Amino acid sequence: MAEARPTGPEIAPRETVILAEDPARLVAWYRDRLGFSVSREFSEDYHYTNLESSAGMKIGIADAREMGITPGDRKNATVVPQIEVEDVAAFLAHVTEGGGSTTFGPSFDEKGQFAYGAFSDPEGNPFWVV
C-alpha cells in the first residue's frame, strides 16, 4: 500500500534568516571567517543580504530593528541551524579565534562515530555543528 501524501503546496528549501543588531558586521564575519560569499543585497525598503557557502548552505542576514525585533532577544528562539564540517574540533577553534564562541563540544556520540558541538556567532546566534 502506498503511503498517503498530505495535500497542499510544494515546499522548497530557502535560506535560514539571521536577524542582526549590526548587519554589516555580521555579514563581514560570515564572509571573512566562515567563507560565505554575498550572492545578493537589498537596501531599498529594508536591508537584507543573501550569503552562500561553497557547499551550498544559504543564509540571509537582516536588520533586527527593521523586522520589529529587539536585537539580542533570544528567549523565544526555537530554531537552531545545524551545519556539517569535516573536523568539528578544528572548526570550533576557528570560530572562537574569529570572534564567535563555543557553547559546547567537541563531544562524541556514544559509539564514537561522529563529533558534534555548538557555537554562536559574534551576536550570539546559536548553531549546532556535526
Foldseek 3Di string as FASTA:
>chain_A
DDDDDDDDDDDDDDAAEDAAQDQVVLVCLCCVQVPWDWDDFDDDLFTKTWTAHPVGHIYMYGHQVSVVHDQLPCPPPPDAAEEEDDDPVVSQVSQVVSQKHWPDDQDAPPVRPDTKGWIAHNSRRIHIYD
